[in-house]
N, C-alpha and C. Protein backbone atom coordinates (compact mmCIF):
# COMPACT_ATOMS: atom_id res chain seq x y z
N MET A 1 0.79 -1.00 0.02
CA MET A 1 0.07 0.02 0.03
C MET A 1 1.06 1.31 -0.08
N MET A 2 0.26 2.41 -0.45
CA MET A 2 0.93 3.46 -0.41
C MET A 2 0.53 4.66 0.26
N PHE A 3 0.79 5.31 1.07
CA PHE A 3 0.59 6.44 1.69
C PHE A 3 1.34 7.54 1.96
N GLU A 4 1.26 8.50 1.71
CA GLU A 4 2.21 9.99 1.41
C GLU A 4 1.86 11.11 1.94
N ILE A 5 2.34 11.84 2.41
CA ILE A 5 2.00 13.52 2.48
C ILE A 5 3.10 14.09 1.75
N THR A 6 3.03 14.97 0.83
CA THR A 6 4.18 15.52 0.03
C THR A 6 3.90 16.96 -0.37
N ALA A 7 4.99 17.81 -0.50
CA ALA A 7 4.90 19.22 -0.99
C ALA A 7 4.90 19.16 -2.50
N GLU A 8 5.37 17.86 -3.20
CA GLU A 8 5.33 17.62 -4.57
C GLU A 8 4.07 17.45 -5.37
N PRO A 9 4.08 17.60 -6.82
CA PRO A 9 2.93 17.36 -7.16
C PRO A 9 2.40 15.63 -7.38
N LEU A 10 1.35 15.59 -7.13
CA LEU A 10 0.86 14.26 -7.08
C LEU A 10 0.60 13.49 -8.38
N ASP A 11 1.07 12.12 -8.25
CA ASP A 11 1.33 11.30 -9.76
C ASP A 11 0.47 10.15 -9.53
N PRO A 12 -0.72 10.17 -9.98
CA PRO A 12 -1.60 8.87 -9.84
C PRO A 12 -0.99 7.41 -10.16
N GLY A 13 0.04 7.59 -11.30
CA GLY A 13 0.42 6.47 -12.03
C GLY A 13 1.05 5.36 -10.79
N PRO A 14 2.02 5.75 -9.96
CA PRO A 14 2.41 5.06 -8.78
C PRO A 14 1.59 4.68 -8.11
N LEU A 15 0.66 5.34 -7.89
CA LEU A 15 -0.63 4.99 -6.50
C LEU A 15 -1.25 3.85 -7.19
N VAL A 16 -1.71 3.94 -8.34
CA VAL A 16 -2.65 2.97 -9.18
C VAL A 16 -1.67 1.53 -9.15
N ALA A 17 -0.48 1.66 -9.59
CA ALA A 17 0.47 0.46 -9.52
C ALA A 17 0.47 -0.08 -8.26
N ALA A 18 0.66 0.63 -7.16
CA ALA A 18 0.42 0.00 -5.73
C ALA A 18 -0.61 -0.36 -5.16
N VAL A 19 -1.83 -0.04 -5.89
CA VAL A 19 -2.99 -0.81 -5.49
C VAL A 19 -3.62 -2.09 -6.27
N ARG A 20 -3.20 -2.03 -7.45
CA ARG A 20 -3.68 -2.85 -8.48
C ARG A 20 -3.13 -4.22 -8.19
N ARG A 21 -4.15 -5.05 -8.46
CA ARG A 21 -3.24 -6.69 -8.34
C ARG A 21 -4.00 -7.37 -9.45
N ASP A 22 -3.72 -8.59 -9.65
CA ASP A 22 -4.14 -9.50 -10.72
C ASP A 22 -5.48 -9.88 -10.52
N GLU A 23 -5.86 -9.85 -9.28
CA GLU A 23 -7.34 -10.04 -8.93
C GLU A 23 -8.35 -9.19 -8.71
N SER A 24 -7.57 -7.86 -9.34
CA SER A 24 -8.38 -6.48 -9.11
C SER A 24 -9.12 -6.39 -10.41
N GLY A 25 -10.41 -6.05 -10.54
CA GLY A 25 -11.04 -5.99 -12.01
C GLY A 25 -11.52 -4.52 -12.05
N ALA A 26 -11.36 -3.64 -11.05
CA ALA A 26 -11.31 -2.48 -10.84
C ALA A 26 -10.56 -1.88 -9.95
N VAL A 27 -10.17 -0.53 -10.39
CA VAL A 27 -9.36 0.62 -9.47
C VAL A 27 -10.21 1.70 -9.57
N ALA A 28 -10.63 2.24 -8.51
CA ALA A 28 -11.49 3.40 -8.36
C ALA A 28 -10.23 4.55 -8.02
N LEU A 29 -10.43 5.78 -8.79
CA LEU A 29 -9.28 6.79 -8.36
C LEU A 29 -9.82 8.16 -8.23
N PHE A 30 -9.83 8.93 -7.04
CA PHE A 30 -10.15 10.09 -7.02
C PHE A 30 -9.17 10.91 -6.86
N TYR A 31 -9.57 12.01 -7.78
CA TYR A 31 -8.77 13.40 -7.51
C TYR A 31 -9.50 14.14 -6.89
N GLY A 32 -8.71 15.13 -5.76
CA GLY A 32 -9.28 15.91 -5.07
C GLY A 32 -8.56 17.38 -5.84
N VAL A 33 -9.35 18.25 -6.25
CA VAL A 33 -9.01 19.07 -7.10
C VAL A 33 -8.95 20.65 -6.82
N ALA A 34 -8.13 21.60 -6.51
CA ALA A 34 -8.34 22.94 -6.16
C ALA A 34 -9.31 23.56 -7.10
N ARG A 35 -10.31 24.07 -6.44
CA ARG A 35 -11.24 24.91 -7.71
C ARG A 35 -11.15 26.40 -7.19
N ASN A 36 -11.95 27.27 -8.11
CA ASN A 36 -11.84 28.62 -8.05
C ASN A 36 -12.88 29.14 -7.14
N GLU A 37 -13.68 28.37 -6.65
CA GLU A 37 -14.89 29.08 -6.14
C GLU A 37 -15.28 28.33 -4.93
N ASN A 38 -15.49 28.67 -3.65
CA ASN A 38 -16.28 28.06 -2.46
C ASN A 38 -17.05 28.98 -1.48
N LEU A 39 -18.20 28.62 -1.24
CA LEU A 39 -18.93 29.39 -0.59
C LEU A 39 -19.23 31.06 -1.29
N GLY A 40 -19.40 31.01 -2.29
CA GLY A 40 -19.70 32.04 -2.97
C GLY A 40 -18.74 33.26 -3.13
N ARG A 41 -17.24 32.31 -2.88
CA ARG A 41 -16.06 33.51 -3.07
C ARG A 41 -15.23 33.03 -4.11
N LYS A 42 -14.21 34.01 -4.73
CA LYS A 42 -13.56 33.45 -5.59
C LYS A 42 -12.14 33.27 -5.20
N VAL A 43 -11.93 31.93 -5.21
CA VAL A 43 -10.82 31.32 -4.36
C VAL A 43 -9.53 31.42 -5.41
N LEU A 44 -8.44 32.15 -5.08
CA LEU A 44 -7.26 32.43 -5.39
C LEU A 44 -6.15 31.33 -5.64
N TRP A 45 -6.07 30.77 -4.67
CA TRP A 45 -5.17 29.65 -4.33
C TRP A 45 -5.54 28.97 -3.00
N LEU A 46 -4.82 27.73 -2.71
CA LEU A 46 -5.08 26.87 -1.63
C LEU A 46 -3.83 26.69 -0.94
N GLU A 47 -3.59 26.51 0.18
CA GLU A 47 -2.56 26.11 1.07
C GLU A 47 -2.84 25.07 2.05
N TYR A 48 -2.17 23.92 2.21
CA TYR A 48 -2.43 22.70 2.74
C TYR A 48 -1.20 22.70 3.66
N ASP A 49 -1.48 22.42 5.02
CA ASP A 49 -0.57 21.94 6.14
C ASP A 49 -0.84 20.60 6.61
N ALA A 50 0.17 19.73 7.36
CA ALA A 50 -0.24 18.84 7.81
C ALA A 50 0.99 18.29 9.04
N TYR A 51 0.61 17.48 9.63
CA TYR A 51 1.56 16.92 10.75
C TYR A 51 1.78 15.33 10.17
N PRO A 52 2.87 15.41 9.24
CA PRO A 52 3.00 14.11 8.35
C PRO A 52 2.89 12.90 8.96
N GLU A 53 3.67 12.59 10.23
CA GLU A 53 3.63 11.21 10.92
C GLU A 53 2.16 10.94 11.35
N MET A 54 1.74 12.00 11.78
CA MET A 54 0.07 11.70 12.43
C MET A 54 -0.75 11.13 10.93
N ALA A 55 -0.83 12.10 10.05
CA ALA A 55 -1.47 12.05 8.99
C ALA A 55 -1.15 11.02 8.44
N ILE A 56 -0.20 10.07 7.96
CA ILE A 56 0.06 8.92 7.60
C ILE A 56 -0.57 7.79 8.59
N LYS A 57 0.01 8.07 9.79
CA LYS A 57 -0.98 6.92 10.71
C LYS A 57 -2.41 6.89 10.54
N LYS A 58 -2.95 8.01 10.35
CA LYS A 58 -4.56 8.22 10.35
C LYS A 58 -5.17 7.78 8.82
N MET A 59 -4.12 7.88 7.72
CA MET A 59 -4.34 7.32 6.30
C MET A 59 -4.48 5.77 6.43
N ARG A 60 -3.50 5.25 7.26
CA ARG A 60 -3.43 3.81 7.35
C ARG A 60 -4.74 3.60 8.22
N GLU A 61 -5.17 4.09 9.49
CA GLU A 61 -6.17 3.86 9.95
C GLU A 61 -7.63 3.64 9.08
N VAL A 62 -7.60 4.83 8.05
CA VAL A 62 -8.59 4.71 7.07
C VAL A 62 -8.68 3.64 5.97
N ALA A 63 -7.41 3.22 5.71
CA ALA A 63 -7.28 1.90 5.09
C ALA A 63 -7.85 0.67 5.55
N ASP A 64 -7.27 0.59 6.93
CA ASP A 64 -7.93 -0.51 7.84
C ASP A 64 -9.17 -0.55 7.97
N GLU A 65 -9.92 0.63 7.88
CA GLU A 65 -11.72 0.67 7.87
C GLU A 65 -12.04 0.25 6.69
N VAL A 66 -11.48 0.66 5.65
CA VAL A 66 -11.96 0.23 4.09
C VAL A 66 -11.92 -1.34 4.40
N ARG A 67 -10.65 -1.97 4.69
CA ARG A 67 -10.61 -3.19 4.28
C ARG A 67 -11.55 -4.24 5.37
N ALA A 68 -11.84 -3.50 6.41
CA ALA A 68 -12.77 -4.40 7.37
C ALA A 68 -14.10 -4.16 6.76
N LYS A 69 -14.50 -3.11 5.95
CA LYS A 69 -16.19 -2.89 5.55
C LYS A 69 -16.12 -3.38 4.16
N PHE A 70 -15.10 -3.35 3.36
CA PHE A 70 -15.36 -3.68 1.69
C PHE A 70 -14.37 -4.80 1.69
N THR A 71 -14.64 -5.74 0.58
CA THR A 71 -13.87 -6.57 0.01
C THR A 71 -12.81 -5.87 -1.15
N VAL A 72 -11.95 -5.23 -0.78
CA VAL A 72 -10.95 -4.76 -1.73
C VAL A 72 -9.62 -5.35 -1.60
N THR A 73 -8.77 -5.13 -2.85
CA THR A 73 -7.22 -5.77 -2.82
C THR A 73 -6.38 -4.78 -2.54
N GLY A 74 -6.55 -3.61 -2.51
CA GLY A 74 -5.65 -2.44 -2.28
C GLY A 74 -6.36 -1.26 -1.97
N VAL A 75 -5.43 -0.32 -1.06
CA VAL A 75 -5.97 0.85 -0.83
C VAL A 75 -4.59 1.72 -0.72
N GLY A 76 -4.69 2.98 -1.23
CA GLY A 76 -3.49 4.09 -1.48
C GLY A 76 -4.17 5.22 -1.08
N ILE A 77 -3.34 6.10 -0.38
CA ILE A 77 -3.75 7.67 0.02
C ILE A 77 -2.53 8.44 -0.59
N LEU A 78 -2.76 9.56 -1.11
CA LEU A 78 -1.45 10.62 -1.22
C LEU A 78 -2.15 11.86 -1.02
N HIS A 79 -1.63 12.79 -0.26
CA HIS A 79 -1.97 14.23 0.08
C HIS A 79 -0.98 15.28 -0.13
N ARG A 80 -1.45 16.15 -0.95
CA ARG A 80 -0.29 17.14 -0.97
C ARG A 80 -0.46 18.42 0.12
N THR A 81 0.58 18.83 0.39
CA THR A 81 0.73 20.04 1.12
C THR A 81 1.35 21.21 0.50
N GLY A 82 1.53 22.36 1.26
CA GLY A 82 2.09 23.68 0.48
C GLY A 82 1.10 24.28 -0.21
N ARG A 83 1.40 25.35 -0.93
CA ARG A 83 0.58 26.28 -2.00
C ARG A 83 0.09 25.27 -3.14
N LEU A 84 -1.15 25.42 -3.55
CA LEU A 84 -2.07 24.96 -4.74
C LEU A 84 -2.57 25.66 -5.43
N GLU A 85 -2.25 25.86 -6.71
CA GLU A 85 -2.87 26.67 -7.63
C GLU A 85 -4.28 26.18 -8.09
N ILE A 86 -5.31 26.91 -8.70
CA ILE A 86 -6.24 26.35 -8.97
C ILE A 86 -5.79 25.17 -9.98
N GLY A 87 -6.81 24.22 -9.96
CA GLY A 87 -6.56 23.12 -11.13
C GLY A 87 -5.59 21.90 -10.70
N GLU A 88 -4.93 22.27 -9.43
CA GLU A 88 -3.79 21.20 -8.84
C GLU A 88 -4.49 20.29 -8.17
N THR A 89 -3.90 19.00 -8.08
CA THR A 89 -4.63 18.18 -7.39
C THR A 89 -3.79 17.95 -5.93
N SER A 90 -4.97 18.05 -4.98
CA SER A 90 -4.71 18.19 -3.10
C SER A 90 -4.73 16.67 -3.02
N LEU A 91 -5.42 15.81 -3.22
CA LEU A 91 -5.65 14.53 -2.80
C LEU A 91 -6.00 13.40 -4.28
N LEU A 92 -5.06 12.43 -3.66
CA LEU A 92 -5.38 10.86 -4.47
C LEU A 92 -5.93 9.93 -3.79
N VAL A 93 -6.96 9.29 -3.86
CA VAL A 93 -7.32 8.11 -3.08
C VAL A 93 -7.52 6.87 -4.14
N ALA A 94 -6.94 5.94 -4.19
CA ALA A 94 -7.00 4.74 -4.95
C ALA A 94 -7.41 3.45 -4.59
N VAL A 95 -8.44 2.83 -4.80
CA VAL A 95 -8.95 1.59 -4.08
C VAL A 95 -9.30 0.47 -5.29
N SER A 96 -8.62 -0.68 -5.17
CA SER A 96 -8.86 -1.67 -5.97
C SER A 96 -9.64 -2.80 -5.31
N SER A 97 -10.68 -3.66 -6.53
CA SER A 97 -11.32 -4.56 -5.90
C SER A 97 -11.85 -5.47 -7.15
N GLY A 98 -12.10 -6.58 -6.73
CA GLY A 98 -12.53 -7.60 -7.85
C GLY A 98 -13.58 -6.96 -8.66
N HIS A 99 -14.69 -6.10 -8.07
CA HIS A 99 -15.53 -5.25 -8.84
C HIS A 99 -15.94 -3.75 -8.64
N ARG A 100 -16.48 -3.33 -9.68
CA ARG A 100 -16.35 -1.78 -9.92
C ARG A 100 -17.19 -1.12 -8.79
N LYS A 101 -18.31 -1.89 -8.26
CA LYS A 101 -19.49 -1.09 -7.31
C LYS A 101 -18.58 -1.30 -5.75
N GLU A 102 -17.97 -2.20 -5.59
CA GLU A 102 -17.00 -2.36 -4.27
C GLU A 102 -15.88 -1.25 -4.20
N ALA A 103 -15.34 -1.14 -5.36
CA ALA A 103 -14.13 0.03 -5.57
C ALA A 103 -14.74 1.09 -5.56
N PHE A 104 -15.88 1.30 -6.50
CA PHE A 104 -16.35 2.91 -5.89
C PHE A 104 -17.16 3.19 -4.74
N ASP A 105 -17.73 2.16 -4.17
CA ASP A 105 -18.18 2.35 -2.41
C ASP A 105 -17.09 2.70 -1.51
N ALA A 106 -15.85 1.92 -1.51
CA ALA A 106 -15.06 1.93 -0.95
C ALA A 106 -13.90 3.10 -1.01
N CYS A 107 -13.94 3.60 -2.23
CA CYS A 107 -13.17 4.88 -2.50
C CYS A 107 -13.81 6.01 -1.62
N HIS A 108 -15.39 6.20 -2.19
CA HIS A 108 -15.97 7.28 -1.54
C HIS A 108 -16.08 7.01 0.01
N PHE A 109 -16.00 5.86 0.68
CA PHE A 109 -15.91 5.93 2.05
C PHE A 109 -14.78 6.44 2.52
N ALA A 110 -13.59 6.04 1.86
CA ALA A 110 -12.19 6.20 2.31
C ALA A 110 -12.09 7.95 1.90
N VAL A 111 -12.51 8.54 1.23
CA VAL A 111 -12.47 10.19 1.22
C VAL A 111 -13.32 10.61 2.13
N ASP A 112 -14.58 10.14 2.47
CA ASP A 112 -15.03 10.88 3.40
C ASP A 112 -14.29 10.62 4.84
N ARG A 113 -13.91 9.63 5.07
CA ARG A 113 -13.09 9.42 6.36
C ARG A 113 -11.78 10.06 6.55
N ILE A 114 -11.31 10.41 5.39
CA ILE A 114 -10.00 11.25 5.34
C ILE A 114 -10.38 12.52 5.80
N LYS A 115 -11.41 12.99 5.27
CA LYS A 115 -11.74 14.64 5.56
C LYS A 115 -12.37 14.45 7.08
N GLN A 116 -12.75 13.42 7.74
CA GLN A 116 -13.16 13.49 9.30
C GLN A 116 -11.90 13.39 10.04
N ILE A 117 -10.97 12.42 9.64
CA ILE A 117 -10.00 12.13 10.63
C ILE A 117 -8.51 12.40 10.59
N VAL A 118 -8.27 12.54 9.17
CA VAL A 118 -6.80 12.88 9.03
C VAL A 118 -6.45 14.56 9.06
N PRO A 119 -5.32 14.68 10.01
CA PRO A 119 -5.09 15.98 10.55
C PRO A 119 -4.31 16.89 9.12
N VAL A 120 -4.80 17.16 8.15
CA VAL A 120 -4.71 18.08 7.28
C VAL A 120 -5.38 19.44 7.14
N TRP A 121 -4.66 20.42 7.24
CA TRP A 121 -5.30 21.57 7.22
C TRP A 121 -5.58 22.38 6.03
N LYS A 122 -6.61 22.91 5.60
CA LYS A 122 -6.51 23.89 4.40
C LYS A 122 -6.93 25.17 4.72
N LYS A 123 -5.96 26.10 3.83
CA LYS A 123 -6.20 27.44 4.03
C LYS A 123 -6.65 28.19 2.28
N GLU A 124 -7.96 28.67 2.58
CA GLU A 124 -8.33 29.18 1.22
C GLU A 124 -7.82 30.67 1.09
N VAL A 125 -7.23 30.98 0.03
CA VAL A 125 -6.84 32.44 -0.15
C VAL A 125 -7.77 33.01 -1.18
N PHE A 126 -8.82 33.87 -0.92
CA PHE A 126 -9.78 34.25 -1.67
C PHE A 126 -9.69 35.91 -2.14
N GLU A 127 -10.45 36.14 -3.16
CA GLU A 127 -10.43 37.83 -3.05
C GLU A 127 -11.08 38.19 -2.05
N GLY A 128 -10.19 39.07 -1.21
CA GLY A 128 -10.74 39.84 0.01
C GLY A 128 -10.19 39.17 1.03
N GLY A 129 -9.48 38.26 1.29
CA GLY A 129 -9.12 37.54 2.45
C GLY A 129 -8.55 36.33 2.41
N GLU A 130 -8.44 35.45 3.41
CA GLU A 130 -7.79 34.42 3.61
C GLU A 130 -8.67 33.50 4.96
N GLU A 131 -8.83 32.12 4.78
CA GLU A 131 -9.44 31.53 5.93
C GLU A 131 -9.09 30.16 5.77
N TRP A 132 -8.63 29.75 7.13
CA TRP A 132 -8.17 28.15 7.49
C TRP A 132 -9.51 27.40 7.60
N ILE A 133 -9.87 26.49 6.75
CA ILE A 133 -10.75 25.49 7.04
C ILE A 133 -10.36 24.22 7.59
N GLU A 134 -11.04 23.68 8.52
CA GLU A 134 -10.31 22.66 9.47
C GLU A 134 -11.39 21.36 8.85
N GLY A 135 -10.86 20.46 8.02
CA GLY A 135 -11.42 19.28 7.64
C GLY A 135 -13.03 19.39 7.07
N HIS A 136 -13.79 18.51 7.33
CA HIS A 136 -14.96 18.26 6.99
C HIS A 136 -15.85 19.08 7.70
N VAL A 137 -17.07 19.46 7.23
CA VAL A 137 -18.07 20.53 7.84
C VAL A 137 -19.14 19.56 7.74
N PRO A 138 -19.69 18.91 8.66
CA PRO A 138 -20.99 18.09 8.87
C PRO A 138 -22.15 18.95 8.16
N GLY A 139 -22.74 17.95 7.18
CA GLY A 139 -24.12 18.63 6.36
C GLY A 139 -23.75 19.37 5.34
N VAL A 140 -22.38 19.80 4.98
CA VAL A 140 -21.73 20.52 3.91
C VAL A 140 -21.32 19.07 2.76
N GLU A 141 -21.65 19.27 1.71
CA GLU A 141 -21.04 18.31 0.53
C GLU A 141 -20.91 19.07 -0.55
N ASP A 142 -19.61 19.90 -0.03
CA ASP A 142 -19.10 20.63 -1.33
C ASP A 142 -18.17 20.23 -2.21
N GLY A 143 -17.58 18.96 -1.89
CA GLY A 143 -16.78 18.37 -2.78
C GLY A 143 -15.32 18.73 -2.67
N SER A 144 -15.04 19.47 -2.02
CA SER A 144 -13.61 20.00 -1.94
C SER A 144 -12.97 19.24 -0.99
N PRO A 145 -11.43 19.07 -1.32
CA PRO A 145 -10.65 18.13 -0.83
C PRO A 145 -10.17 18.80 0.50
């Protein structure tokens, strides 16, 4: 499995290779991408910060939860830190399974859990200001990583 916090741009190729097995009929890959709008504000760029050792430990916990809940053949998570321009990838989650439904469901679950428990913080810099946004906001399904 592959779990990483990095300031470098994220490359999905090695992540997919790390989770794919010969028995994997499906690999679901989620890209979290910096977008130019949130809460009605024009976002200029994002900045991510993390406590890498704890974040990787929590990523492994998410993977353990995924394996306990779904029949998967692999799970991997990469998260970017530092300044990200609009359009850059902040999060990659790959899940492999024998079948597509299980892979999609497990990947969706993993992304939600990452937002809930992995200590990564996001600052949005928008026209007129900036704001640190701490993880998942219950009840808000805005799609941002």
